[in-house]
Amino acid sequence: MALRHRAKSKLTASVSDLDKARLQDRYRGLDFTHIDECPRRVPVRIGGEVQGIRVVPRAGSPSLEVTIADGTARAVAVFLGRRSLPGVSPGRSLLLEGVGREEEGRTILLNPAYTILPR
């Protein structure tokens, strides 16, 4: 009976809810801080799947913004003076290490160290 209930809940769940559950399962058990629990102004390790990449001007020079999600929330890694990062593309998993802050309601890490995780 429990299997039938689980199957029915998957059929009636929204795509967004299913995606959040998939991401939470993917990053469960890894040594990361959940993005929704990311403290401000202290070093942190977060991980997630790349959801978007865009180049935006900041202070007159290009900056690469990489948005990641771990199923709990989203965070943006800003790489100042960069237009691209080799190997970083939507759907890839990243580990980011840096100092988190809040900017315009978003969790931001400026120039974090990053590691591309295996698929």
N, C-alpha and C. Protein backbone atom coordinates (compact mmCIF):
# COMPACT_ATOMS: atom_id res chain seq x y z
N MET A 1 0.82 -1.19 0.00
CA MET A 1 0.00 0.00 0.00
C MET A 1 0.87 1.27 0.00
N ALA A 2 2.00 1.25 0.73
CA ALA A 2 2.87 2.42 0.79
C ALA A 2 3.47 2.71 -0.59
N LEU A 3 3.79 1.66 -1.35
CA LEU A 3 4.33 1.83 -2.69
C LEU A 3 3.31 2.51 -3.60
N ARG A 4 2.07 2.11 -3.49
CA ARG A 4 1.00 2.71 -4.30
C ARG A 4 0.84 4.19 -3.95
N HIS A 5 0.92 4.52 -2.65
CA HIS A 5 0.79 5.92 -2.21
C HIS A 5 1.95 6.76 -2.77
N ARG A 6 3.19 6.20 -2.72
CA ARG A 6 4.34 6.92 -3.23
C ARG A 6 4.22 7.15 -4.74
N ALA A 7 3.77 6.14 -5.46
CA ALA A 7 3.60 6.28 -6.91
C ALA A 7 2.54 7.33 -7.23
N LYS A 8 1.45 7.33 -6.47
CA LYS A 8 0.39 8.31 -6.70
C LYS A 8 0.89 9.72 -6.40
N SER A 9 1.68 9.89 -5.32
CA SER A 9 2.18 11.22 -4.99
C SER A 9 3.14 11.72 -6.06
N LYS A 10 3.91 10.83 -6.69
CA LYS A 10 4.79 11.25 -7.77
C LYS A 10 3.99 11.69 -9.00
N LEU A 11 2.87 11.03 -9.24
CA LEU A 11 2.05 11.37 -10.39
C LEU A 11 1.32 12.70 -10.21
N THR A 12 1.02 13.05 -8.97
CA THR A 12 0.28 14.29 -8.72
C THR A 12 1.18 15.46 -8.32
N ALA A 13 2.47 15.20 -8.13
CA ALA A 13 3.40 16.26 -7.74
C ALA A 13 3.73 17.15 -8.94
N SER A 14 4.05 18.41 -8.66
CA SER A 14 4.43 19.32 -9.73
C SER A 14 5.85 19.00 -10.20
N VAL A 15 6.19 19.45 -11.38
CA VAL A 15 7.54 19.25 -11.92
C VAL A 15 8.56 19.92 -11.00
N SER A 16 8.22 21.09 -10.49
CA SER A 16 9.12 21.81 -9.59
C SER A 16 9.40 21.00 -8.32
N ASP A 17 8.35 20.40 -7.75
CA ASP A 17 8.53 19.59 -6.54
C ASP A 17 9.38 18.35 -6.82
N LEU A 18 9.15 17.73 -7.97
CA LEU A 18 9.94 16.55 -8.34
C LEU A 18 11.41 16.91 -8.54
N ASP A 19 11.66 18.08 -9.14
CA ASP A 19 13.04 18.52 -9.36
C ASP A 19 13.73 18.82 -8.04
N LYS A 20 13.03 19.45 -7.11
CA LYS A 20 13.60 19.73 -5.79
C LYS A 20 13.95 18.43 -5.07
N ALA A 21 13.06 17.45 -5.13
CA ALA A 21 13.31 16.16 -4.48
C ALA A 21 14.51 15.46 -5.13
N ARG A 22 14.61 15.52 -6.45
CA ARG A 22 15.74 14.91 -7.16
C ARG A 22 17.06 15.52 -6.73
N LEU A 23 17.09 16.85 -6.64
CA LEU A 23 18.32 17.53 -6.23
C LEU A 23 18.67 17.23 -4.78
N GLN A 24 17.69 17.20 -3.90
CA GLN A 24 17.97 16.89 -2.49
C GLN A 24 18.52 15.48 -2.36
N ASP A 25 17.97 14.53 -3.11
CA ASP A 25 18.49 13.16 -3.08
C ASP A 25 19.91 13.10 -3.62
N ARG A 26 20.18 13.87 -4.68
CA ARG A 26 21.50 13.85 -5.31
C ARG A 26 22.60 14.34 -4.38
N TYR A 27 22.30 15.33 -3.55
CA TYR A 27 23.33 15.93 -2.69
C TYR A 27 23.23 15.50 -1.22
N ARG A 28 22.35 14.57 -0.92
CA ARG A 28 22.21 14.07 0.45
C ARG A 28 23.47 13.30 0.84
N GLY A 29 23.95 13.52 2.05
CA GLY A 29 25.09 12.78 2.58
C GLY A 29 26.44 13.37 2.21
N LEU A 30 26.47 14.41 1.40
CA LEU A 30 27.74 15.05 1.07
C LEU A 30 28.04 16.13 2.10
N ASP A 31 29.30 16.48 2.23
CA ASP A 31 29.73 17.43 3.25
C ASP A 31 29.52 18.87 2.78
N PHE A 32 28.25 19.24 2.56
CA PHE A 32 27.88 20.58 2.13
C PHE A 32 26.94 21.18 3.15
N THR A 33 26.89 22.50 3.15
CA THR A 33 25.83 23.21 3.87
C THR A 33 24.69 23.39 2.88
N HIS A 34 23.47 23.12 3.31
CA HIS A 34 22.32 23.37 2.44
C HIS A 34 22.25 24.86 2.15
N ILE A 35 21.91 25.21 0.93
CA ILE A 35 21.90 26.62 0.55
C ILE A 35 20.92 27.42 1.40
N ASP A 36 19.78 26.82 1.75
CA ASP A 36 18.81 27.56 2.57
C ASP A 36 19.30 27.78 4.00
N GLU A 37 20.37 27.08 4.42
CA GLU A 37 20.95 27.23 5.75
C GLU A 37 22.30 27.94 5.71
N CYS A 38 22.66 28.47 4.57
CA CYS A 38 23.97 29.09 4.37
C CYS A 38 24.14 30.32 5.27
N PRO A 39 25.11 30.28 6.17
CA PRO A 39 25.33 31.45 7.02
C PRO A 39 25.96 32.59 6.22
N ARG A 40 25.81 33.78 6.70
CA ARG A 40 26.35 34.96 6.03
C ARG A 40 27.68 35.37 6.67
N ARG A 41 28.58 35.84 5.82
CA ARG A 41 29.86 36.41 6.23
C ARG A 41 30.78 35.45 6.98
N VAL A 42 30.67 34.17 6.68
CA VAL A 42 31.60 33.16 7.18
C VAL A 42 31.90 32.18 6.03
N PRO A 43 33.07 31.56 6.03
CA PRO A 43 33.38 30.59 4.98
C PRO A 43 32.38 29.44 4.99
N VAL A 44 32.00 29.00 3.80
CA VAL A 44 30.98 27.96 3.66
C VAL A 44 31.29 27.09 2.45
N ARG A 45 30.82 25.84 2.49
CA ARG A 45 30.90 24.91 1.35
C ARG A 45 29.48 24.58 0.95
N ILE A 46 29.14 24.88 -0.28
CA ILE A 46 27.82 24.53 -0.78
C ILE A 46 28.00 23.80 -2.11
N GLY A 47 27.03 23.02 -2.44
CA GLY A 47 27.09 22.31 -3.71
C GLY A 47 25.73 22.29 -4.35
N GLY A 48 25.73 22.15 -5.66
CA GLY A 48 24.46 22.09 -6.36
C GLY A 48 24.65 21.92 -7.85
N GLU A 49 23.52 21.85 -8.52
CA GLU A 49 23.50 21.69 -9.96
C GLU A 49 23.40 23.06 -10.61
N VAL A 50 24.17 23.28 -11.66
CA VAL A 50 24.14 24.55 -12.37
C VAL A 50 22.78 24.70 -13.05
N GLN A 51 22.08 25.77 -12.69
CA GLN A 51 20.76 26.05 -13.25
C GLN A 51 20.82 27.13 -14.33
N GLY A 52 21.82 28.00 -14.25
CA GLY A 52 21.92 29.07 -15.24
C GLY A 52 23.28 29.74 -15.20
N ILE A 53 23.66 30.29 -16.35
CA ILE A 53 24.94 31.00 -16.48
C ILE A 53 24.66 32.26 -17.30
N ARG A 54 25.19 33.39 -16.82
CA ARG A 54 25.04 34.62 -17.60
C ARG A 54 26.21 35.55 -17.31
N VAL A 55 26.52 36.36 -18.30
CA VAL A 55 27.57 37.37 -18.17
C VAL A 55 26.88 38.70 -17.96
N VAL A 56 27.26 39.38 -16.88
CA VAL A 56 26.67 40.69 -16.57
C VAL A 56 27.80 41.68 -16.26
N PRO A 57 27.60 42.96 -16.59
CA PRO A 57 28.63 43.94 -16.26
C PRO A 57 28.56 44.31 -14.77
N ARG A 58 29.69 44.39 -14.15
CA ARG A 58 29.81 44.86 -12.76
C ARG A 58 31.01 45.79 -12.73
N ALA A 59 30.76 46.99 -12.33
CA ALA A 59 31.82 48.00 -12.21
C ALA A 59 32.61 48.14 -13.51
N GLY A 60 31.91 48.05 -14.65
CA GLY A 60 32.56 48.28 -15.93
C GLY A 60 33.29 47.10 -16.54
N SER A 61 33.32 45.96 -15.87
CA SER A 61 33.97 44.79 -16.46
C SER A 61 33.00 43.61 -16.39
N PRO A 62 33.21 42.61 -17.25
CA PRO A 62 32.28 41.48 -17.26
C PRO A 62 32.42 40.62 -16.01
N SER A 63 31.32 40.06 -15.59
CA SER A 63 31.32 39.10 -14.49
C SER A 63 30.43 37.93 -14.88
N LEU A 64 30.88 36.76 -14.56
CA LEU A 64 30.12 35.55 -14.85
C LEU A 64 29.31 35.19 -13.61
N GLU A 65 27.99 35.06 -13.78
CA GLU A 65 27.13 34.64 -12.68
C GLU A 65 26.67 33.21 -12.96
N VAL A 66 26.96 32.32 -12.04
CA VAL A 66 26.58 30.91 -12.15
C VAL A 66 25.58 30.62 -11.03
N THR A 67 24.36 30.28 -11.40
CA THR A 67 23.32 29.97 -10.42
C THR A 67 23.28 28.47 -10.21
N ILE A 68 23.36 28.05 -8.93
CA ILE A 68 23.25 26.62 -8.60
C ILE A 68 22.06 26.41 -7.68
N ALA A 69 21.55 25.19 -7.67
CA ALA A 69 20.45 24.80 -6.79
C ALA A 69 20.74 23.43 -6.21
N ASP A 70 20.35 23.25 -4.94
CA ASP A 70 20.54 21.95 -4.30
C ASP A 70 19.22 21.33 -3.85
N GLY A 71 18.11 21.90 -4.27
CA GLY A 71 16.80 21.39 -3.89
C GLY A 71 16.21 22.10 -2.69
N THR A 72 17.04 22.86 -1.96
CA THR A 72 16.51 23.63 -0.83
C THR A 72 16.40 25.11 -1.19
N ALA A 73 17.31 25.58 -2.04
CA ALA A 73 17.33 26.99 -2.45
C ALA A 73 18.33 27.14 -3.59
N ARG A 74 18.51 28.38 -4.02
CA ARG A 74 19.48 28.70 -5.06
C ARG A 74 20.53 29.65 -4.51
N ALA A 75 21.71 29.61 -5.12
CA ALA A 75 22.79 30.53 -4.79
C ALA A 75 23.46 30.95 -6.08
N VAL A 76 24.11 32.11 -6.05
CA VAL A 76 24.78 32.63 -7.23
C VAL A 76 26.26 32.82 -6.92
N ALA A 77 27.11 32.19 -7.74
CA ALA A 77 28.56 32.41 -7.66
C ALA A 77 28.90 33.46 -8.69
N VAL A 78 29.56 34.53 -8.26
CA VAL A 78 29.94 35.62 -9.16
C VAL A 78 31.46 35.58 -9.33
N PHE A 79 31.89 35.40 -10.58
CA PHE A 79 33.31 35.36 -10.90
C PHE A 79 33.64 36.66 -11.63
N LEU A 80 34.29 37.57 -10.92
CA LEU A 80 34.58 38.89 -11.44
C LEU A 80 35.64 38.82 -12.55
N GLY A 81 35.41 39.57 -13.63
CA GLY A 81 36.36 39.64 -14.72
C GLY A 81 36.38 38.41 -15.61
N ARG A 82 35.39 37.53 -15.48
CA ARG A 82 35.35 36.29 -16.28
C ARG A 82 34.15 36.30 -17.22
N ARG A 83 34.31 35.68 -18.36
CA ARG A 83 33.21 35.49 -19.30
C ARG A 83 32.79 34.04 -19.38
N SER A 84 33.67 33.14 -18.93
CA SER A 84 33.35 31.71 -18.96
C SER A 84 34.24 30.97 -17.97
N LEU A 85 33.84 29.75 -17.65
CA LEU A 85 34.64 28.84 -16.84
C LEU A 85 34.66 27.51 -17.58
N PRO A 86 35.82 27.01 -17.94
CA PRO A 86 35.88 25.75 -18.67
C PRO A 86 35.21 24.61 -17.89
N GLY A 87 34.36 23.87 -18.57
CA GLY A 87 33.71 22.71 -17.96
C GLY A 87 32.44 23.01 -17.20
N VAL A 88 32.14 24.28 -16.97
CA VAL A 88 30.94 24.65 -16.23
C VAL A 88 29.82 24.92 -17.23
N SER A 89 28.76 24.12 -17.13
CA SER A 89 27.62 24.26 -18.03
C SER A 89 26.36 23.83 -17.28
N PRO A 90 25.19 24.23 -17.77
CA PRO A 90 23.95 23.84 -17.10
C PRO A 90 23.85 22.31 -16.96
N GLY A 91 23.43 21.89 -15.77
CA GLY A 91 23.30 20.47 -15.48
C GLY A 91 24.50 19.87 -14.77
N ARG A 92 25.64 20.54 -14.80
CA ARG A 92 26.83 20.04 -14.10
C ARG A 92 26.71 20.31 -12.62
N SER A 93 27.38 19.51 -11.82
CA SER A 93 27.38 19.70 -10.37
C SER A 93 28.66 20.42 -9.96
N LEU A 94 28.50 21.40 -9.07
CA LEU A 94 29.64 22.17 -8.58
C LEU A 94 29.69 22.17 -7.07
N LEU A 95 30.89 22.19 -6.54
CA LEU A 95 31.16 22.46 -5.13
C LEU A 95 31.74 23.86 -5.10
N LEU A 96 31.15 24.74 -4.30
CA LEU A 96 31.64 26.11 -4.16
C LEU A 96 32.10 26.34 -2.74
N GLU A 97 33.26 26.97 -2.59
CA GLU A 97 33.78 27.31 -1.27
C GLU A 97 34.11 28.79 -1.26
N GLY A 98 33.46 29.51 -0.35
CA GLY A 98 33.68 30.94 -0.25
C GLY A 98 32.89 31.53 0.89
N VAL A 99 32.77 32.82 0.90
CA VAL A 99 32.03 33.54 1.94
C VAL A 99 30.70 33.99 1.35
N GLY A 100 29.63 33.54 1.96
CA GLY A 100 28.30 33.88 1.48
C GLY A 100 27.84 35.23 2.01
N ARG A 101 27.05 35.90 1.18
CA ARG A 101 26.42 37.15 1.60
C ARG A 101 25.07 37.24 0.91
N GLU A 102 24.25 38.16 1.36
CA GLU A 102 22.95 38.35 0.73
C GLU A 102 22.97 39.64 -0.07
N GLU A 103 22.48 39.56 -1.30
CA GLU A 103 22.40 40.72 -2.18
C GLU A 103 21.10 40.63 -2.97
N GLU A 104 20.25 41.60 -2.80
CA GLU A 104 18.96 41.63 -3.49
C GLU A 104 18.15 40.35 -3.26
N GLY A 105 18.20 39.84 -2.03
CA GLY A 105 17.44 38.65 -1.68
C GLY A 105 18.04 37.34 -2.15
N ARG A 106 19.26 37.38 -2.71
CA ARG A 106 19.92 36.18 -3.20
C ARG A 106 21.16 35.88 -2.38
N THR A 107 21.48 34.60 -2.25
CA THR A 107 22.74 34.20 -1.63
C THR A 107 23.81 34.31 -2.70
N ILE A 108 24.86 35.09 -2.41
CA ILE A 108 25.93 35.38 -3.36
C ILE A 108 27.27 34.95 -2.78
N LEU A 109 28.11 34.35 -3.60
CA LEU A 109 29.50 34.08 -3.25
C LEU A 109 30.36 34.75 -4.31
N LEU A 110 31.23 35.67 -3.91
CA LEU A 110 32.12 36.36 -4.84
C LEU A 110 33.42 35.59 -5.00
N ASN A 111 33.76 35.30 -6.25
CA ASN A 111 35.00 34.60 -6.59
C ASN A 111 35.26 33.37 -5.72
N PRO A 112 34.29 32.46 -5.60
CA PRO A 112 34.54 31.28 -4.77
C PRO A 112 35.48 30.29 -5.46
N ALA A 113 36.13 29.48 -4.67
CA ALA A 113 36.86 28.33 -5.23
C ALA A 113 35.78 27.35 -5.70
N TYR A 114 36.00 26.70 -6.81
CA TYR A 114 35.00 25.77 -7.31
C TYR A 114 35.63 24.47 -7.75
N THR A 115 34.87 23.41 -7.62
CA THR A 115 35.27 22.08 -8.06
C THR A 115 34.10 21.51 -8.85
N ILE A 116 34.39 21.01 -10.05
CA ILE A 116 33.37 20.35 -10.84
C ILE A 116 33.28 18.92 -10.35
N LEU A 117 32.07 18.53 -9.95
CA LEU A 117 31.84 17.20 -9.40
C LEU A 117 31.50 16.21 -10.52
N PRO A 118 31.84 14.94 -10.32
CA PRO A 118 31.50 13.94 -11.35
C PRO A 118 30.00 13.79 -11.47
N ARG A 119 29.56 13.41 -12.64
CA ARG A 119 28.12 13.26 -12.88
C ARG A 119 27.54 12.08 -12.17
